[in-house]
Amino acid sequence: MTPTHPTPDPANACLACGSTDCRTLFHATDRLYATTSKSFLVVECSRCRLIRLYPKPSPEELSTYYPTNYWHANPGDQITA
């Protein structure tokens, strides 16, 4: 399978280096939690090699993909920065 190159889009530039050039690695779905039937395009930045989703989901969209039990924590545990 020959990798495809999504059309350069400044709105979806690499968060690490700002490059708009990337190549498609594969398509994937949420097989673990099945929160969506959407297929995701996973790409690699041609400059710094960061692997990410394309196009970049909005924070609102991204929050729908994580169920409340996504992170395991014991009752009383606190997460600190």
PDB file of N, CA and C in Angstrom:
ATOM      1  N   MET A   1       0.844  -1.182   0.000  1.00  0.00           N
ATOM      2  CA  MET A   1       0.000   0.000   0.000  1.00  0.00           C
ATOM      3  C   MET A   1       0.883   1.237   0.000  1.00  0.00           C
ATOM      4  N   THR A   2       0.679   2.128  -0.950  1.00  0.00           N
ATOM      5  CA  THR A   2       1.443   3.355  -1.046  1.00  0.00           C
ATOM      6  C   THR A   2       0.852   4.402  -0.120  1.00  0.00           C
ATOM      7  N   PRO A   3       1.685   5.041   0.732  1.00  0.00           N
ATOM      8  CA  PRO A   3       1.158   6.072   1.625  1.00  0.00           C
ATOM      9  C   PRO A   3       0.593   7.245   0.826  1.00  0.00           C
ATOM     10  N   THR A   4      -0.472   7.815   1.326  1.00  0.00           N
ATOM     11  CA  THR A   4      -1.059   8.990   0.692  1.00  0.00           C
ATOM     12  C   THR A   4      -0.631  10.228   1.456  1.00  0.00           C
ATOM     13  N   HIS A   5      -0.729  11.357   0.804  1.00  0.00           N
ATOM     14  CA  HIS A   5      -0.343  12.621   1.416  1.00  0.00           C
ATOM     15  C   HIS A   5      -1.558  13.534   1.452  1.00  0.00           C
ATOM     16  N   PRO A   6      -2.110  13.794   2.645  1.00  0.00           N
ATOM     17  CA  PRO A   6      -3.246  14.716   2.730  1.00  0.00           C
ATOM     18  C   PRO A   6      -2.868  16.090   2.192  1.00  0.00           C
ATOM     19  N   THR A   7      -3.850  16.807   1.686  1.00  0.00           N
ATOM     20  CA  THR A   7      -3.626  18.154   1.173  1.00  0.00           C
ATOM     21  C   THR A   7      -3.130  19.054   2.295  1.00  0.00           C
ATOM     22  N   PRO A   8      -2.027  19.790   2.069  1.00  0.00           N
ATOM     23  CA  PRO A   8      -1.543  20.694   3.122  1.00  0.00           C
ATOM     24  C   PRO A   8      -2.639  21.664   3.561  1.00  0.00           C
ATOM     25  N   ASP A   9      -2.785  21.800   4.852  1.00  0.00           N
ATOM     26  CA  ASP A   9      -3.837  22.632   5.426  1.00  0.00           C
ATOM     27  C   ASP A   9      -3.284  23.336   6.658  1.00  0.00           C
ATOM     28  N   PRO A  10      -3.096  24.665   6.612  1.00  0.00           N
ATOM     29  CA  PRO A  10      -2.545  25.382   7.765  1.00  0.00           C
ATOM     30  C   PRO A  10      -3.325  25.152   9.063  1.00  0.00           C
ATOM     31  N   ALA A  11      -4.626  24.905   8.970  1.00  0.00           N
ATOM     32  CA  ALA A  11      -5.434  24.667  10.178  1.00  0.00           C
ATOM     33  C   ALA A  11      -5.079  23.339  10.833  1.00  0.00           C
ATOM     34  N   ASN A  12      -4.453  22.449  10.080  1.00  0.00           N
ATOM     35  CA  ASN A  12      -4.070  21.143  10.612  1.00  0.00           C
ATOM     36  C   ASN A  12      -2.564  20.942  10.600  1.00  0.00           C
ATOM     37  N   ALA A  13      -1.827  22.038  10.761  1.00  0.00           N
ATOM     38  CA  ALA A  13      -0.367  21.961  10.797  1.00  0.00           C
ATOM     39  C   ALA A  13       0.089  21.167  12.016  1.00  0.00           C
ATOM     40  N   CYS A  14       1.275  20.602  11.926  1.00  0.00           N
ATOM     41  CA  CYS A  14       1.856  19.840  13.024  1.00  0.00           C
ATOM     42  C   CYS A  14       1.995  20.734  14.253  1.00  0.00           C
ATOM     43  N   LEU A  15       1.538  20.241  15.392  1.00  0.00           N
ATOM     44  CA  LEU A  15       1.614  21.011  16.631  1.00  0.00           C
ATOM     45  C   LEU A  15       3.047  21.132  17.143  1.00  0.00           C
ATOM     46  N   ALA A  16       3.931  20.234  16.720  1.00  0.00           N
ATOM     47  CA  ALA A  16       5.310  20.264  17.202  1.00  0.00           C
ATOM     48  C   ALA A  16       6.201  21.201  16.381  1.00  0.00           C
ATOM     49  N   CYS A  17       6.056  21.182  15.044  1.00  0.00           N
ATOM     50  CA  CYS A  17       6.989  21.950  14.216  1.00  0.00           C
ATOM     51  C   CYS A  17       6.314  22.918  13.238  1.00  0.00           C
ATOM     52  N   GLY A  18       4.986  22.823  13.084  1.00  0.00           N
ATOM     53  CA  GLY A  18       4.263  23.740  12.205  1.00  0.00           C
ATOM     54  C   GLY A  18       4.191  23.332  10.754  1.00  0.00           C
ATOM     55  N   SER A  19       4.803  22.226  10.388  1.00  0.00           N
ATOM     56  CA  SER A  19       4.776  21.772   8.996  1.00  0.00           C
ATOM     57  C   SER A  19       3.369  21.329   8.606  1.00  0.00           C
ATOM     58  N   THR A  20       3.000  21.571   7.348  1.00  0.00           N
ATOM     59  CA  THR A  20       1.710  21.096   6.847  1.00  0.00           C
ATOM     60  C   THR A  20       1.885  19.854   5.974  1.00  0.00           C
ATOM     61  N   ASP A  21       3.102  19.383   5.815  1.00  0.00           N
ATOM     62  CA  ASP A  21       3.373  18.212   4.987  1.00  0.00           C
ATOM     63  C   ASP A  21       3.385  16.959   5.860  1.00  0.00           C
ATOM     64  N   CYS A  22       2.543  15.987   5.507  1.00  0.00           N
ATOM     65  CA  CYS A  22       2.475  14.740   6.259  1.00  0.00           C
ATOM     66  C   CYS A  22       2.116  13.604   5.325  1.00  0.00           C
ATOM     67  N   ARG A  23       2.308  12.390   5.810  1.00  0.00           N
ATOM     68  CA  ARG A  23       1.930  11.214   5.024  1.00  0.00           C
ATOM     69  C   ARG A  23       1.021  10.334   5.861  1.00  0.00           C
ATOM     70  N   THR A  24       0.083   9.702   5.204  1.00  0.00           N
ATOM     71  CA  THR A  24      -0.856   8.816   5.888  1.00  0.00           C
ATOM     72  C   THR A  24      -0.165   7.508   6.246  1.00  0.00           C
ATOM     73  N   LEU A  25      -0.317   7.124   7.514  1.00  0.00           N
ATOM     74  CA  LEU A  25       0.192   5.828   7.955  1.00  0.00           C
ATOM     75  C   LEU A  25      -0.890   4.768   7.853  1.00  0.00           C
ATOM     76  N   PHE A  26      -2.098   5.093   8.363  1.00  0.00           N
ATOM     77  CA  PHE A  26      -3.205   4.148   8.298  1.00  0.00           C
ATOM     78  C   PHE A  26      -4.501   4.825   8.726  1.00  0.00           C
ATOM     79  N   HIS A  27      -5.593   4.118   8.504  1.00  0.00           N
ATOM     80  CA  HIS A  27      -6.923   4.514   8.980  1.00  0.00           C
ATOM     81  C   HIS A  27      -7.235   3.619  10.171  1.00  0.00           C
ATOM     82  N   ALA A  28      -7.913   4.172  11.166  1.00  0.00           N
ATOM     83  CA  ALA A  28      -8.239   3.384  12.356  1.00  0.00           C
ATOM     84  C   ALA A  28      -9.603   3.782  12.896  1.00  0.00           C
ATOM     85  N   THR A  29     -10.178   2.902  13.685  1.00  0.00           N
ATOM     86  CA  THR A  29     -11.439   3.171  14.367  1.00  0.00           C
ATOM     87  C   THR A  29     -11.235   2.951  15.867  1.00  0.00           C
ATOM     88  N   ASP A  30     -12.211   3.343  16.653  1.00  0.00           N
ATOM     89  CA  ASP A  30     -12.151   3.142  18.100  1.00  0.00           C
ATOM     90  C   ASP A  30     -12.628   1.725  18.411  1.00  0.00           C
ATOM     91  N   ARG A  31     -11.705   0.788  18.403  1.00  0.00           N
ATOM     92  CA  ARG A  31     -12.062  -0.610  18.655  1.00  0.00           C
ATOM     93  C   ARG A  31     -12.179  -0.919  20.136  1.00  0.00           C
ATOM     94  N   LEU A  32     -11.501  -0.154  20.976  1.00  0.00           N
ATOM     95  CA  LEU A  32     -11.471  -0.461  22.403  1.00  0.00           C
ATOM     96  C   LEU A  32     -12.753  -0.056  23.123  1.00  0.00           C
ATOM     97  N   TYR A  33     -13.178   1.190  22.959  1.00  0.00           N
ATOM     98  CA  TYR A  33     -14.364   1.688  23.668  1.00  0.00           C
ATOM     99  C   TYR A  33     -15.589   1.847  22.783  1.00  0.00           C
ATOM    100  N   ALA A  34     -15.419   1.832  21.471  1.00  0.00           N
ATOM    101  CA  ALA A  34     -16.524   1.964  20.517  1.00  0.00           C
ATOM    102  C   ALA A  34     -17.382   3.200  20.801  1.00  0.00           C
ATOM    103  N   THR A  35     -16.714   4.336  21.074  1.00  0.00           N
ATOM    104  CA  THR A  35     -17.447   5.577  21.340  1.00  0.00           C
ATOM    105  C   THR A  35     -17.914   6.241  20.060  1.00  0.00           C
ATOM    106  N   THR A  36     -17.386   5.798  18.921  1.00  0.00           N
ATOM    107  CA  THR A  36     -17.768   6.351  17.634  1.00  0.00           C
ATOM    108  C   THR A  36     -17.529   5.307  16.548  1.00  0.00           C
ATOM    109  N   SER A  37     -18.218   5.444  15.457  1.00  0.00           N
ATOM    110  CA  SER A  37     -17.974   4.570  14.312  1.00  0.00           C
ATOM    111  C   SER A  37     -17.092   5.274  13.281  1.00  0.00           C
ATOM    112  N   LYS A  38     -16.662   6.492  13.609  1.00  0.00           N
ATOM    113  CA  LYS A  38     -15.833   7.290  12.710  1.00  0.00           C
ATOM    114  C   LYS A  38     -14.487   6.603  12.468  1.00  0.00           C
ATOM    115  N   SER A  39     -13.981   6.726  11.249  1.00  0.00           N
ATOM    116  CA  SER A  39     -12.662   6.226  10.903  1.00  0.00           C
ATOM    117  C   SER A  39     -11.675   7.389  10.993  1.00  0.00           C
ATOM    118  N   PHE A  40     -10.558   7.150  11.659  1.00  0.00           N
ATOM    119  CA  PHE A  40      -9.556   8.185  11.863  1.00  0.00           C
ATOM    120  C   PHE A  40      -8.389   8.006  10.902  1.00  0.00           C
ATOM    121  N   LEU A  41      -7.869   9.098  10.403  1.00  0.00           N
ATOM    122  CA  LEU A  41      -6.686   9.088   9.559  1.00  0.00           C
ATOM    123  C   LEU A  41      -5.498   9.406  10.456  1.00  0.00           C
ATOM    124  N   VAL A  42      -4.556   8.488  10.543  1.00  0.00           N
ATOM    125  CA  VAL A  42      -3.365   8.677  11.366  1.00  0.00           C
ATOM    126  C   VAL A  42      -2.219   9.019  10.416  1.00  0.00           C
ATOM    127  N   VAL A  43      -1.598  10.182  10.656  1.00  0.00           N
ATOM    128  CA  VAL A  43      -0.558  10.673   9.760  1.00  0.00           C
ATOM    129  C   VAL A  43       0.744  10.907  10.517  1.00  0.00           C
ATOM    130  N   GLU A  44       1.833  10.972   9.768  1.00  0.00           N
ATOM    131  CA  GLU A  44       3.144  11.273  10.319  1.00  0.00           C
ATOM    132  C   GLU A  44       3.664  12.550   9.672  1.00  0.00           C
ATOM    133  N   CYS A  45       4.107  13.491  10.496  1.00  0.00           N
ATOM    134  CA  CYS A  45       4.668  14.739   9.998  1.00  0.00           C
ATOM    135  C   CYS A  45       5.935  14.426   9.197  1.00  0.00           C
ATOM    136  N   SER A  46       6.047  15.009   8.014  1.00  0.00           N
ATOM    137  CA  SER A  46       7.213  14.763   7.162  1.00  0.00           C
ATOM    138  C   SER A  46       8.474  15.430   7.691  1.00  0.00           C
ATOM    139  N   ARG A  47       8.316  16.447   8.520  1.00  0.00           N
ATOM    140  CA  ARG A  47       9.487  17.155   9.048  1.00  0.00           C
ATOM    141  C   ARG A  47       9.980  16.547  10.367  1.00  0.00           C
ATOM    142  N   CYS A  48       9.113  16.476  11.388  1.00  0.00           N
ATOM    143  CA  CYS A  48       9.569  16.051  12.723  1.00  0.00           C
ATOM    144  C   CYS A  48       9.118  14.636  13.095  1.00  0.00           C
ATOM    145  N   ARG A  49       8.256  14.032  12.270  1.00  0.00           N
ATOM    146  CA  ARG A  49       7.781  12.658  12.425  1.00  0.00           C
ATOM    147  C   ARG A  49       6.777  12.448  13.546  1.00  0.00           C
ATOM    148  N   LEU A  50       6.204  13.537  14.067  1.00  0.00           N
ATOM    149  CA  LEU A  50       5.133  13.407  15.057  1.00  0.00           C
ATOM    150  C   LEU A  50       3.969  12.661  14.415  1.00  0.00           C
ATOM    151  N   ILE A  51       3.385  11.732  15.129  1.00  0.00           N
ATOM    152  CA  ILE A  51       2.237  10.973  14.633  1.00  0.00           C
ATOM    153  C   ILE A  51       0.991  11.536  15.293  1.00  0.00           C
ATOM    154  N   ARG A  52      -0.037  11.808  14.468  1.00  0.00           N
ATOM    155  CA  ARG A  52      -1.236  12.477  14.972  1.00  0.00           C
ATOM    156  C   ARG A  52      -2.442  12.134  14.112  1.00  0.00           C
ATOM    157  N   LEU A  53      -3.615  12.588  14.574  1.00  0.00           N
ATOM    158  CA  LEU A  53      -4.843  12.443  13.793  1.00  0.00           C
ATOM    159  C   LEU A  53      -4.927  13.565  12.777  1.00  0.00           C
ATOM    160  N   TYR A  54      -5.527  13.275  11.641  1.00  0.00           N
ATOM    161  CA  TYR A  54      -5.750  14.284  10.599  1.00  0.00           C
ATOM    162  C   TYR A  54      -7.152  14.084  10.052  1.00  0.00           C
ATOM    163  N   PRO A  55      -7.970  15.117   9.996  1.00  0.00           N
ATOM    164  CA  PRO A  55      -7.718  16.445  10.547  1.00  0.00           C
ATOM    165  C   PRO A  55      -7.781  16.422  12.071  1.00  0.00           C
ATOM    166  N   LYS A  56      -7.178  17.431  12.673  1.00  0.00           N
ATOM    167  CA  LYS A  56      -7.127  17.535  14.130  1.00  0.00           C
ATOM    168  C   LYS A  56      -8.544  17.715  14.674  1.00  0.00           C
ATOM    169  N   PRO A  57      -8.988  16.831  15.584  1.00  0.00           N
ATOM    170  CA  PRO A  57     -10.339  16.987  16.144  1.00  0.00           C
ATOM    171  C   PRO A  57     -10.394  18.189  17.097  1.00  0.00           C
ATOM    172  N   SER A  58     -11.551  18.813  17.172  1.00  0.00           N
ATOM    173  CA  SER A  58     -11.747  19.922  18.109  1.00  0.00           C
ATOM    174  C   SER A  58     -11.766  19.368  19.530  1.00  0.00           C
ATOM    175  N   PRO A  59     -11.515  20.209  20.548  1.00  0.00           N
ATOM    176  CA  PRO A  59     -11.605  19.726  21.932  1.00  0.00           C
ATOM    177  C   PRO A  59     -12.980  19.135  22.247  1.00  0.00           C
ATOM    178  N   GLU A  60     -14.034  19.726  21.700  1.00  0.00           N
ATOM    179  CA  GLU A  60     -15.383  19.209  21.937  1.00  0.00           C
ATOM    180  C   GLU A  60     -15.539  17.813  21.342  1.00  0.00           C
ATOM    181  N   GLU A  61     -15.057  17.639  20.111  1.00  0.00           N
ATOM    182  CA  GLU A  61     -15.152  16.335  19.459  1.00  0.00           C
ATOM    183  C   GLU A  61     -14.289  15.315  20.196  1.00  0.00           C
ATOM    184  N   LEU A  62     -13.086  15.702  20.562  1.00  0.00           N
ATOM    185  CA  LEU A  62     -12.173  14.796  21.237  1.00  0.00           C
ATOM    186  C   LEU A  62     -12.741  14.306  22.567  1.00  0.00           C
ATOM    187  N   SER A  63     -13.421  15.184  23.284  1.00  0.00           N
ATOM    188  CA  SER A  63     -13.972  14.796  24.591  1.00  0.00           C
ATOM    189  C   SER A  63     -15.043  13.716  24.466  1.00  0.00           C
ATOM    190  N   THR A  64     -15.696  13.602  23.321  1.00  0.00           N
ATOM    191  CA  THR A  64     -16.727  12.573  23.151  1.00  0.00           C
ATOM    192  C   THR A  64     -16.134  11.180  22.975  1.00  0.00           C
ATOM    193  N   TYR A  65     -14.844  11.094  22.696  1.00  0.00           N
ATOM    194  CA  TYR A  65     -14.203   9.806  22.459  1.00  0.00           C
ATOM    195  C   TYR A  65     -13.673   9.147  23.727  1.00  0.00           C
ATOM    196  N   TYR A  66     -13.718   9.851  24.848  1.00  0.00           N
ATOM    197  CA  TYR A  66     -13.181   9.304  26.094  1.00  0.00           C
ATOM    198  C   TYR A  66     -14.304   9.087  27.100  1.00  0.00           C
ATOM    199  N   PRO A  67     -14.674   7.829  27.365  1.00  0.00           N
ATOM    200  CA  PRO A  67     -15.724   7.559  28.348  1.00  0.00           C
ATOM    201  C   PRO A  67     -15.240   7.913  29.752  1.00  0.00           C
ATOM    202  N   THR A  68     -16.161   8.039  30.673  1.00  0.00           N
ATOM    203  CA  THR A  68     -15.817   8.432  32.040  1.00  0.00           C
ATOM    204  C   THR A  68     -14.881   7.430  32.706  1.00  0.00           C
ATOM    205  N   ASN A  69     -14.880   6.180  32.286  1.00  0.00           N
ATOM    206  CA  ASN A  69     -13.996   5.172  32.879  1.00  0.00           C
ATOM    207  C   ASN A  69     -12.692   5.008  32.110  1.00  0.00           C
ATOM    208  N   TYR A  70     -12.334   5.978  31.273  1.00  0.00           N
ATOM    209  CA  TYR A  70     -11.126   5.850  30.456  1.00  0.00           C
ATOM    210  C   TYR A  70      -9.872   5.713  31.315  1.00  0.00           C
ATOM    211  N   TRP A  71      -9.727   6.535  32.342  1.00  0.00           N
ATOM    212  CA  TRP A  71      -8.583   6.444  33.260  1.00  0.00           C
ATOM    213  C   TRP A  71      -9.021   5.702  34.509  1.00  0.00           C
ATOM    214  N   HIS A  72      -8.222   4.778  34.937  1.00  0.00           N
ATOM    215  CA  HIS A  72      -8.533   4.043  36.157  1.00  0.00           C
ATOM    216  C   HIS A  72      -7.982   4.813  37.356  1.00  0.00           C
ATOM    217  N   ALA A  73      -8.797   5.007  38.330  1.00  0.00           N
ATOM    218  CA  ALA A  73      -8.358   5.638  39.584  1.00  0.00           C
ATOM    219  C   ALA A  73      -9.128   5.001  40.723  1.00  0.00           C
ATOM    220  N   ASN A  74      -8.485   4.841  41.842  1.00  0.00           N
ATOM    221  CA  ASN A  74      -9.139   4.309  43.022  1.00  0.00           C
ATOM    222  C   ASN A  74      -9.908   5.430  43.714  1.00  0.00           C
ATOM    223  N   PRO A  75     -11.021   5.107  44.378  1.00  0.00           N
ATOM    224  CA  PRO A  75     -11.759   6.141  45.107  1.00  0.00           C
ATOM    225  C   PRO A  75     -10.820   6.873  46.071  1.00  0.00           C
ATOM    226  N   GLY A  76     -10.907   8.186  46.077  1.00  0.00           N
ATOM    227  CA  GLY A  76     -10.058   8.992  46.953  1.00  0.00           C
ATOM    228  C   GLY A  76      -8.745   9.413  46.326  1.00  0.00           C
ATOM    229  N   ASP A  77      -8.369   8.782  45.191  1.00  0.00           N
ATOM    230  CA  ASP A  77      -7.141   9.205  44.523  1.00  0.00           C
ATOM    231  C   ASP A  77      -7.308  10.602  43.973  1.00  0.00           C
ATOM    232  N   GLN A  78      -6.255  11.373  44.010  1.00  0.00           N
ATOM    233  CA  GLN A  78      -6.285  12.722  43.447  1.00  0.00           C
ATOM    234  C   GLN A  78      -5.180  12.844  42.422  1.00  0.00           C
ATOM    235  N   ILE A  79      -5.497  13.518  41.346  1.00  0.00           N
ATOM    236  CA  ILE A  79      -4.510  13.788  40.317  1.00  0.00           C
ATOM    237  C   ILE A  79      -3.996  15.194  40.543  1.00  0.00           C
ATOM    238  N   THR A  80      -2.696  15.334  40.655  1.00  0.00           N
ATOM    239  CA  THR A  80      -2.113  16.665  40.858  1.00  0.00           C
ATOM    240  C   THR A  80      -1.179  16.973  39.710  1.00  0.00           C
ATOM    241  N   ALA A  81      -1.064  18.250  39.420  1.00  0.00           N
ATOM    242  CA  ALA A  81      -0.192  18.676  38.323  1.00  0.00           C
ATOM    243  C   ALA A  81       1.236  18.775  38.772  1.00  0.00           C
TER     244      ALA A  81
END
